[in-house]
Each structure stands twice: as C-alpha cells, then as structure tokens.
Amino acid sequence: MNFVVVSSIGAVFMGIFALFVRMKAAKKPTNVKKIILPPVFMSSGAFMYLVPQFRLTGMEIIEVVILGMLFSILLIKTSKFEIRENEIYLKRSKAFIYILVGLLVVRLALKSILSTTIDYGELSGMFFLLAFSMIVPWRIAMYLDYKKLYKQLQGKQ
C-alpha cells in the first residue's frame, strides 16, 4: 500500500482522536500543564530531521511555518476559556470541530497533491513542521488567555 494512503488514514484517525480528546477536556478544569505539555511532547518528533531523508530546504521551512501559523489562527479563534465553579474550563465550540475537520481535509488534499512532486520523507518533514507550527502559536495563545483568567480568579479570592 502507498505510504501517502497509509499516512492519510493515520491522519484521519489522529483527527478523530483529537476531537474526542478536546470534547473530554472541556468537561474537566484545565491547568498550565495541560496547555503547555502537548507541544513539548510533540517536539521530540523533530529528531526525524537527524535523518537526511526528512530534511527541508530553508524556503520549505519558511513556507510551512507561515502556513502553520496561518492555520493556528483558526484554532486560536475557537479556543476560549471560562470560569465555572471557581475553576477554569475550556469552552466548548461547535466551530472547533468543523475547523479541525476542515484543516484535516486541507492537509490531506495538500498531501495528495504534493506527494506527486515531493519525496515522501521530505513531505513527512513538512507536515510535521506544519502541525508543530500550528500547535505552538495556538498553545501560546491559550496559555496567555488562561493566565488572564487565572489572575482574575485569584483576585476574587
């Protein structure tokens, strides 16, 4: 079976998993660890760049990082916190599910198109960097929003 097809199937399952994690997370209070740790754990994936097959050119890095940061805007806009019962919760957003699915569809389409002209290893490196460039700004924005509410919550006590 083709690597692109297998990785696309994997991406769909990861997207579904992310939806369930997000829905479950909205039921429990959040904290700094829950916001910051996912990109920290994901950063270990950068070890792939030690293998020459996955390395990117400077221009590819710039393009992918910019695209990831643009995609992160959608995630930032749909991730808001609220104070409930003296705890900080992530608000449920119906738009988040559609945006996550939309981003997944765009990624799959890009992968399908680009796989005809870009080597699979290089493409893998690009999509890892795309995801990382999308998650880091999103989590930074979440952290800043969380800190504002945390200070507000501390002021009430």
N, C-alpha and C. Protein backbone atom coordinates (compact mmCIF):
# COMPACT_ATOMS: atom_id res chain seq x y z
N MET A 1 0.85 -1.18 0.00
CA MET A 1 0.00 0.00 0.00
C MET A 1 0.90 1.24 0.00
N ASN A 2 0.47 2.26 -0.64
CA ASN A 2 1.20 3.50 -0.79
C ASN A 2 1.36 4.22 0.56
N PHE A 3 2.57 4.77 0.81
CA PHE A 3 2.84 5.48 2.06
C PHE A 3 1.89 6.65 2.27
N VAL A 4 1.55 7.35 1.21
CA VAL A 4 0.68 8.52 1.33
C VAL A 4 -0.71 8.09 1.79
N VAL A 5 -1.20 6.98 1.26
CA VAL A 5 -2.53 6.48 1.65
C VAL A 5 -2.52 6.05 3.11
N VAL A 6 -1.49 5.30 3.51
CA VAL A 6 -1.38 4.82 4.89
C VAL A 6 -1.28 6.00 5.86
N SER A 7 -0.44 6.98 5.54
CA SER A 7 -0.29 8.13 6.43
C SER A 7 -1.56 8.97 6.45
N SER A 8 -2.29 9.02 5.35
CA SER A 8 -3.56 9.76 5.32
C SER A 8 -4.60 9.09 6.21
N ILE A 9 -4.64 7.79 6.17
CA ILE A 9 -5.56 7.05 7.05
C ILE A 9 -5.18 7.31 8.50
N GLY A 10 -3.89 7.30 8.78
CA GLY A 10 -3.41 7.61 10.13
C GLY A 10 -3.81 9.01 10.56
N ALA A 11 -3.73 9.96 9.63
CA ALA A 11 -4.10 11.36 9.94
C ALA A 11 -5.58 11.47 10.27
N VAL A 12 -6.42 10.73 9.57
CA VAL A 12 -7.86 10.74 9.85
C VAL A 12 -8.12 10.22 11.26
N PHE A 13 -7.46 9.11 11.62
CA PHE A 13 -7.65 8.57 12.97
C PHE A 13 -7.12 9.52 14.04
N MET A 14 -6.01 10.19 13.77
CA MET A 14 -5.48 11.17 14.72
C MET A 14 -6.45 12.35 14.87
N GLY A 15 -7.06 12.76 13.77
CA GLY A 15 -8.04 13.84 13.82
C GLY A 15 -9.25 13.47 14.66
N ILE A 16 -9.73 12.25 14.48
CA ILE A 16 -10.86 11.76 15.28
C ILE A 16 -10.48 11.69 16.75
N PHE A 17 -9.27 11.21 17.01
CA PHE A 17 -8.77 11.13 18.38
C PHE A 17 -8.70 12.53 19.01
N ALA A 18 -8.21 13.50 18.24
CA ALA A 18 -8.11 14.89 18.73
C ALA A 18 -9.49 15.45 19.07
N LEU A 19 -10.50 15.11 18.28
CA LEU A 19 -11.86 15.58 18.57
C LEU A 19 -12.35 15.02 19.90
N PHE A 20 -12.13 13.73 20.13
CA PHE A 20 -12.57 13.12 21.37
C PHE A 20 -11.81 13.68 22.57
N VAL A 21 -10.51 13.89 22.42
CA VAL A 21 -9.72 14.47 23.50
C VAL A 21 -10.23 15.86 23.83
N ARG A 22 -10.51 16.65 22.80
CA ARG A 22 -11.00 18.02 23.00
C ARG A 22 -12.34 18.02 23.71
N MET A 23 -13.25 17.13 23.32
CA MET A 23 -14.57 17.09 23.95
C MET A 23 -14.45 16.65 25.41
N LYS A 24 -13.58 15.71 25.67
CA LYS A 24 -13.38 15.24 27.04
C LYS A 24 -12.72 16.32 27.89
N ALA A 25 -11.78 17.06 27.32
CA ALA A 25 -11.07 18.11 28.05
C ALA A 25 -12.00 19.21 28.51
N ALA A 26 -13.05 19.47 27.75
CA ALA A 26 -13.98 20.54 28.11
C ALA A 26 -14.80 20.20 29.36
N LYS A 27 -14.81 18.93 29.75
CA LYS A 27 -15.58 18.51 30.91
C LYS A 27 -14.81 18.66 32.22
N LYS A 28 -13.49 18.86 32.12
CA LYS A 28 -12.65 18.96 33.31
C LYS A 28 -11.95 20.31 33.32
N PRO A 29 -11.64 20.82 34.53
CA PRO A 29 -10.89 22.08 34.59
C PRO A 29 -9.51 21.90 33.95
N THR A 30 -8.99 22.98 33.43
CA THR A 30 -7.68 22.92 32.79
C THR A 30 -6.62 23.54 33.69
N ASN A 31 -5.37 23.37 33.29
CA ASN A 31 -4.27 23.98 34.02
C ASN A 31 -3.11 24.22 33.05
N VAL A 32 -2.06 24.83 33.53
CA VAL A 32 -0.92 25.19 32.68
C VAL A 32 -0.30 23.94 32.04
N LYS A 33 -0.17 22.88 32.81
CA LYS A 33 0.44 21.64 32.27
C LYS A 33 -0.33 21.12 31.06
N LYS A 34 -1.64 21.11 31.16
CA LYS A 34 -2.47 20.59 30.07
C LYS A 34 -2.35 21.44 28.81
N ILE A 35 -1.99 22.70 28.99
CA ILE A 35 -1.85 23.60 27.84
C ILE A 35 -0.47 23.48 27.22
N ILE A 36 0.55 23.44 28.05
CA ILE A 36 1.93 23.51 27.56
C ILE A 36 2.52 22.16 27.17
N LEU A 37 2.15 21.10 27.85
CA LEU A 37 2.82 19.81 27.60
C LEU A 37 2.63 19.21 26.20
N PRO A 38 1.46 19.32 25.55
CA PRO A 38 1.35 18.70 24.22
C PRO A 38 2.42 19.14 23.21
N PRO A 39 2.69 20.44 23.05
CA PRO A 39 3.76 20.78 22.10
C PRO A 39 5.15 20.36 22.59
N VAL A 40 5.35 20.32 23.90
CA VAL A 40 6.64 19.85 24.43
C VAL A 40 6.84 18.39 24.06
N PHE A 41 5.81 17.58 24.26
CA PHE A 41 5.92 16.16 23.90
C PHE A 41 6.07 15.98 22.40
N MET A 42 5.35 16.78 21.65
CA MET A 42 5.42 16.68 20.19
C MET A 42 6.79 17.06 19.66
N SER A 43 7.50 17.93 20.37
CA SER A 43 8.79 18.41 19.89
C SER A 43 9.81 17.30 19.70
N SER A 44 9.62 16.17 20.38
CA SER A 44 10.55 15.05 20.20
C SER A 44 10.53 14.53 18.76
N GLY A 45 9.46 14.80 18.05
CA GLY A 45 9.37 14.40 16.65
C GLY A 45 10.39 15.09 15.77
N ALA A 46 10.96 16.19 16.25
CA ALA A 46 11.97 16.91 15.47
C ALA A 46 13.23 16.08 15.28
N PHE A 47 13.38 15.02 16.05
CA PHE A 47 14.53 14.13 15.85
C PHE A 47 14.52 13.51 14.45
N MET A 48 13.37 13.53 13.78
CA MET A 48 13.30 13.00 12.42
C MET A 48 14.27 13.73 11.50
N TYR A 49 14.56 14.99 11.81
CA TYR A 49 15.42 15.79 10.94
C TYR A 49 16.89 15.37 11.04
N LEU A 50 17.21 14.48 11.97
CA LEU A 50 18.56 13.92 12.01
C LEU A 50 18.81 13.00 10.81
N VAL A 51 17.72 12.47 10.27
CA VAL A 51 17.81 11.60 9.10
C VAL A 51 17.70 12.47 7.85
N PRO A 52 18.71 12.42 6.97
CA PRO A 52 18.73 13.30 5.80
C PRO A 52 17.45 13.25 4.94
N GLN A 53 16.80 12.12 4.89
CA GLN A 53 15.60 11.95 4.07
C GLN A 53 14.48 12.93 4.46
N PHE A 54 14.45 13.35 5.73
CA PHE A 54 13.36 14.20 6.23
C PHE A 54 13.69 15.68 6.22
N ARG A 55 14.91 16.05 5.91
CA ARG A 55 15.33 17.44 5.99
C ARG A 55 14.69 18.31 4.92
N LEU A 56 14.52 19.59 5.28
CA LEU A 56 13.85 20.54 4.40
C LEU A 56 14.82 21.65 4.01
N THR A 57 14.51 22.29 2.89
CA THR A 57 15.29 23.46 2.49
C THR A 57 14.81 24.66 3.30
N GLY A 58 15.59 25.71 3.31
CA GLY A 58 15.21 26.92 4.03
C GLY A 58 13.89 27.49 3.56
N MET A 59 13.67 27.49 2.26
CA MET A 59 12.42 28.02 1.71
C MET A 59 11.23 27.16 2.11
N GLU A 60 11.39 25.85 2.11
CA GLU A 60 10.30 24.96 2.54
C GLU A 60 9.96 25.20 4.00
N ILE A 61 10.98 25.41 4.82
CA ILE A 61 10.74 25.67 6.24
C ILE A 61 9.93 26.96 6.40
N ILE A 62 10.33 28.01 5.71
CA ILE A 62 9.62 29.29 5.81
C ILE A 62 8.17 29.14 5.35
N GLU A 63 7.96 28.49 4.21
CA GLU A 63 6.61 28.31 3.68
C GLU A 63 5.72 27.53 4.64
N VAL A 64 6.24 26.44 5.17
CA VAL A 64 5.46 25.57 6.04
C VAL A 64 5.16 26.25 7.37
N VAL A 65 6.14 26.94 7.93
CA VAL A 65 5.92 27.64 9.21
C VAL A 65 4.86 28.73 9.04
N ILE A 66 4.92 29.49 7.97
CA ILE A 66 3.92 30.53 7.73
C ILE A 66 2.53 29.91 7.58
N LEU A 67 2.42 28.84 6.81
CA LEU A 67 1.13 28.17 6.63
C LEU A 67 0.61 27.63 7.96
N GLY A 68 1.47 27.03 8.75
CA GLY A 68 1.07 26.52 10.06
C GLY A 68 0.57 27.62 10.97
N MET A 69 1.27 28.75 10.95
CA MET A 69 0.85 29.88 11.79
C MET A 69 -0.48 30.46 11.32
N LEU A 70 -0.70 30.47 10.01
CA LEU A 70 -2.00 30.94 9.49
C LEU A 70 -3.12 29.99 9.93
N PHE A 71 -2.87 28.68 9.83
CA PHE A 71 -3.86 27.70 10.27
C PHE A 71 -4.15 27.85 11.77
N SER A 72 -3.12 28.21 12.55
CA SER A 72 -3.30 28.32 14.00
C SER A 72 -4.30 29.41 14.36
N ILE A 73 -4.45 30.40 13.52
CA ILE A 73 -5.40 31.49 13.79
C ILE A 73 -6.80 30.93 13.98
N LEU A 74 -7.17 29.97 13.15
CA LEU A 74 -8.50 29.36 13.27
C LEU A 74 -8.66 28.65 14.61
N LEU A 75 -7.61 27.96 15.05
CA LEU A 75 -7.67 27.26 16.33
C LEU A 75 -7.72 28.26 17.49
N ILE A 76 -6.94 29.32 17.39
CA ILE A 76 -6.91 30.34 18.43
C ILE A 76 -8.29 30.98 18.58
N LYS A 77 -8.93 31.28 17.46
CA LYS A 77 -10.24 31.95 17.48
C LYS A 77 -11.34 31.09 18.11
N THR A 78 -11.16 29.77 18.08
CA THR A 78 -12.21 28.88 18.59
C THR A 78 -11.85 28.26 19.94
N SER A 79 -10.77 28.69 20.54
CA SER A 79 -10.37 28.15 21.85
C SER A 79 -10.45 29.26 22.89
N LYS A 80 -11.48 29.21 23.67
CA LYS A 80 -11.70 30.20 24.72
C LYS A 80 -11.90 29.49 26.05
N PHE A 81 -11.57 30.19 27.12
CA PHE A 81 -11.75 29.65 28.46
C PHE A 81 -12.87 30.39 29.17
N GLU A 82 -13.39 29.74 30.21
CA GLU A 82 -14.40 30.37 31.06
C GLU A 82 -14.20 29.90 32.49
N ILE A 83 -14.67 30.71 33.42
CA ILE A 83 -14.59 30.34 34.83
C ILE A 83 -15.94 29.75 35.22
N ARG A 84 -15.88 28.53 35.74
CA ARG A 84 -17.07 27.85 36.26
C ARG A 84 -16.70 27.22 37.60
N GLU A 85 -17.50 27.45 38.58
CA GLU A 85 -17.28 26.86 39.91
C GLU A 85 -15.86 27.11 40.42
N ASN A 86 -15.37 28.32 40.25
CA ASN A 86 -14.03 28.73 40.67
C ASN A 86 -12.91 27.91 40.02
N GLU A 87 -13.17 27.39 38.86
CA GLU A 87 -12.17 26.65 38.07
C GLU A 87 -12.19 27.20 36.65
N ILE A 88 -11.09 26.99 35.94
CA ILE A 88 -11.00 27.45 34.55
C ILE A 88 -11.22 26.25 33.63
N TYR A 89 -12.20 26.41 32.74
CA TYR A 89 -12.55 25.36 31.79
C TYR A 89 -12.37 25.88 30.37
N LEU A 90 -12.07 24.95 29.47
CA LEU A 90 -12.05 25.27 28.05
C LEU A 90 -13.50 25.25 27.57
N LYS A 91 -13.94 26.33 26.93
CA LYS A 91 -15.31 26.41 26.42
C LYS A 91 -15.47 25.47 25.23
N ARG A 92 -16.61 24.84 25.19
CA ARG A 92 -16.93 24.03 24.00
C ARG A 92 -17.27 24.96 22.85
N SER A 93 -16.75 24.63 21.68
CA SER A 93 -17.05 25.43 20.50
C SER A 93 -17.47 24.49 19.37
N LYS A 94 -18.67 24.71 18.87
CA LYS A 94 -19.14 23.88 17.74
C LYS A 94 -18.28 24.12 16.51
N ALA A 95 -17.81 25.34 16.35
CA ALA A 95 -16.98 25.69 15.20
C ALA A 95 -15.65 24.94 15.23
N PHE A 96 -15.13 24.65 16.43
CA PHE A 96 -13.82 23.98 16.54
C PHE A 96 -13.82 22.65 15.80
N ILE A 97 -14.88 21.88 15.95
CA ILE A 97 -14.97 20.58 15.29
C ILE A 97 -14.91 20.74 13.77
N TYR A 98 -15.67 21.70 13.26
CA TYR A 98 -15.68 21.93 11.81
C TYR A 98 -14.32 22.43 11.32
N ILE A 99 -13.70 23.28 12.11
CA ILE A 99 -12.39 23.80 11.72
C ILE A 99 -11.35 22.70 11.74
N LEU A 100 -11.37 21.85 12.77
CA LEU A 100 -10.42 20.75 12.84
C LEU A 100 -10.60 19.79 11.67
N VAL A 101 -11.84 19.47 11.35
CA VAL A 101 -12.12 18.60 10.20
C VAL A 101 -11.69 19.29 8.90
N GLY A 102 -11.98 20.57 8.78
CA GLY A 102 -11.58 21.33 7.59
C GLY A 102 -10.07 21.36 7.42
N LEU A 103 -9.35 21.59 8.52
CA LEU A 103 -7.88 21.58 8.45
C LEU A 103 -7.36 20.21 8.05
N LEU A 104 -8.00 19.17 8.56
CA LEU A 104 -7.60 17.80 8.21
C LEU A 104 -7.82 17.55 6.72
N VAL A 105 -8.94 18.00 6.19
CA VAL A 105 -9.24 17.83 4.76
C VAL A 105 -8.22 18.59 3.91
N VAL A 106 -7.90 19.82 4.33
CA VAL A 106 -6.91 20.62 3.60
C VAL A 106 -5.55 19.92 3.63
N ARG A 107 -5.16 19.41 4.81
CA ARG A 107 -3.88 18.70 4.92
C ARG A 107 -3.85 17.47 4.01
N LEU A 108 -4.94 16.72 4.01
CA LEU A 108 -4.99 15.51 3.17
C LEU A 108 -4.93 15.88 1.68
N ALA A 109 -5.62 16.95 1.31
CA ALA A 109 -5.59 17.39 -0.09
C ALA A 109 -4.18 17.84 -0.47
N LEU A 110 -3.55 18.63 0.40
CA LEU A 110 -2.18 19.08 0.13
C LEU A 110 -1.23 17.89 0.02
N LYS A 111 -1.39 16.94 0.92
CA LYS A 111 -0.51 15.76 0.90
C LYS A 111 -0.70 14.99 -0.41
N SER A 112 -1.94 14.85 -0.82
CA SER A 112 -2.23 14.13 -2.06
C SER A 112 -1.61 14.83 -3.27
N ILE A 113 -1.74 16.15 -3.31
CA ILE A 113 -1.20 16.92 -4.43
C ILE A 113 0.33 16.94 -4.40
N LEU A 114 0.88 17.24 -3.23
CA LEU A 114 2.33 17.40 -3.12
C LEU A 114 3.10 16.09 -3.22
N SER A 115 2.43 14.98 -2.91
CA SER A 115 3.13 13.69 -2.93
C SER A 115 3.54 13.28 -4.35
N THR A 116 2.98 13.92 -5.35
CA THR A 116 3.35 13.58 -6.73
C THR A 116 4.67 14.24 -7.13
N THR A 117 5.06 15.31 -6.41
CA THR A 117 6.28 16.04 -6.79
C THR A 117 7.34 16.10 -5.70
N ILE A 118 6.97 15.78 -4.45
CA ILE A 118 7.91 15.87 -3.34
C ILE A 118 8.11 14.48 -2.74
N ASP A 119 9.35 14.16 -2.44
CA ASP A 119 9.71 12.87 -1.84
C ASP A 119 8.93 12.65 -0.54
N TYR A 120 8.57 11.41 -0.27
CA TYR A 120 7.76 11.08 0.91
C TYR A 120 8.42 11.52 2.21
N GLY A 121 9.70 11.31 2.38
CA GLY A 121 10.39 11.70 3.60
C GLY A 121 10.35 13.19 3.81
N GLU A 122 10.65 13.93 2.76
CA GLU A 122 10.62 15.39 2.83
C GLU A 122 9.20 15.88 3.12
N LEU A 123 8.22 15.24 2.50
CA LEU A 123 6.82 15.60 2.73
C LEU A 123 6.43 15.33 4.19
N SER A 124 6.94 14.24 4.74
CA SER A 124 6.68 13.93 6.16
C SER A 124 7.27 15.02 7.04
N GLY A 125 8.48 15.44 6.73
CA GLY A 125 9.12 16.52 7.48
C GLY A 125 8.33 17.81 7.38
N MET A 126 7.78 18.08 6.22
CA MET A 126 6.99 19.29 6.02
C MET A 126 5.70 19.26 6.84
N PHE A 127 5.04 18.11 6.85
CA PHE A 127 3.77 18.03 7.57
C PHE A 127 3.95 17.98 9.08
N PHE A 128 5.07 17.44 9.55
CA PHE A 128 5.35 17.53 10.98
C PHE A 128 5.55 19.00 11.37
N LEU A 129 6.35 19.70 10.58
CA LEU A 129 6.62 21.11 10.87
C LEU A 129 5.35 21.95 10.75
N LEU A 130 4.49 21.61 9.79
CA LEU A 130 3.21 22.30 9.65
C LEU A 130 2.38 22.15 10.93
N ALA A 131 2.26 20.92 11.40
CA ALA A 131 1.48 20.66 12.62
C ALA A 131 2.10 21.38 13.82
N PHE A 132 3.41 21.31 13.94
CA PHE A 132 4.08 21.94 15.07
C PHE A 132 3.93 23.47 15.01
N SER A 133 4.03 24.03 13.82
CA SER A 133 3.89 25.48 13.63
C SER A 133 2.46 25.94 13.86
N MET A 134 1.54 25.02 13.79
CA MET A 134 0.14 25.33 14.05
C MET A 134 -0.15 25.22 15.55
N ILE A 135 0.42 24.23 16.20
CA ILE A 135 0.12 23.96 17.60
C ILE A 135 0.81 24.95 18.54
N VAL A 136 2.05 25.31 18.26
CA VAL A 136 2.78 26.18 19.19
C VAL A 136 2.11 27.55 19.36
N PRO A 137 1.79 28.28 18.28
CA PRO A 137 1.12 29.58 18.49
C PRO A 137 -0.24 29.43 19.17
N TRP A 138 -0.95 28.36 18.83
CA TRP A 138 -2.25 28.10 19.43
C TRP A 138 -2.11 27.91 20.94
N ARG A 139 -1.14 27.10 21.35
CA ARG A 139 -0.95 26.84 22.77
C ARG A 139 -0.42 28.06 23.51
N ILE A 140 0.40 28.86 22.86
CA ILE A 140 0.87 30.10 23.48
C ILE A 140 -0.31 31.03 23.73
N ALA A 141 -1.19 31.16 22.74
CA ALA A 141 -2.39 32.00 22.90
C ALA A 141 -3.28 31.44 24.02
N MET A 142 -3.42 30.13 24.07
CA MET A 142 -4.22 29.52 25.14
C MET A 142 -3.61 29.82 26.51
N TYR A 143 -2.30 29.71 26.59
CA TYR A 143 -1.60 29.98 27.85
C TYR A 143 -1.83 31.42 28.31
N LEU A 144 -1.70 32.35 27.39
CA LEU A 144 -1.90 33.77 27.73
C LEU A 144 -3.34 34.03 28.19
N ASP A 145 -4.31 33.43 27.50
CA ASP A 145 -5.72 33.58 27.90
C ASP A 145 -5.96 32.95 29.27
N TYR A 146 -5.36 31.79 29.48
CA TYR A 146 -5.51 31.09 30.76
C TYR A 146 -4.95 31.95 31.89
N LYS A 147 -3.77 32.54 31.68
CA LYS A 147 -3.13 33.36 32.72
C LYS A 147 -4.01 34.57 33.08
N LYS A 148 -4.66 35.18 32.09
CA LYS A 148 -5.55 36.30 32.37
C LYS A 148 -6.69 35.87 33.29
N LEU A 149 -7.31 34.74 32.96
CA LEU A 149 -8.41 34.26 33.79
C LEU A 149 -7.92 33.81 35.16
N TYR A 150 -6.73 33.24 35.20
CA TYR A 150 -6.17 32.79 36.47
C TYR A 150 -5.96 33.98 37.41
N LYS A 151 -5.42 35.06 36.88
CA LYS A 151 -5.21 36.28 37.68
C LYS A 151 -6.56 36.83 38.14
N GLN A 152 -7.54 36.79 37.25
CA GLN A 152 -8.88 37.27 37.60
C GLN A 152 -9.46 36.40 38.71
N LEU A 153 -9.27 35.10 38.62
CA LEU A 153 -9.77 34.17 39.63
C LEU A 153 -9.07 34.38 40.97
N GLN A 154 -7.77 34.64 40.93
CA GLN A 154 -7.00 34.89 42.15
C GLN A 154 -7.44 36.19 42.82
N GLY A 155 -7.82 37.18 42.01
CA GLY A 155 -8.29 38.46 42.53
C GLY A 155 -9.61 38.35 43.27
N LYS A 156 -10.42 37.38 42.90
CA LYS A 156 -11.73 37.19 43.53
C LYS A 156 -11.61 36.54 44.92
N GLN A 157 -10.54 35.82 45.12
CA GLN A 157 -10.42 35.06 46.39
C GLN A 157 -9.81 35.87 47.49
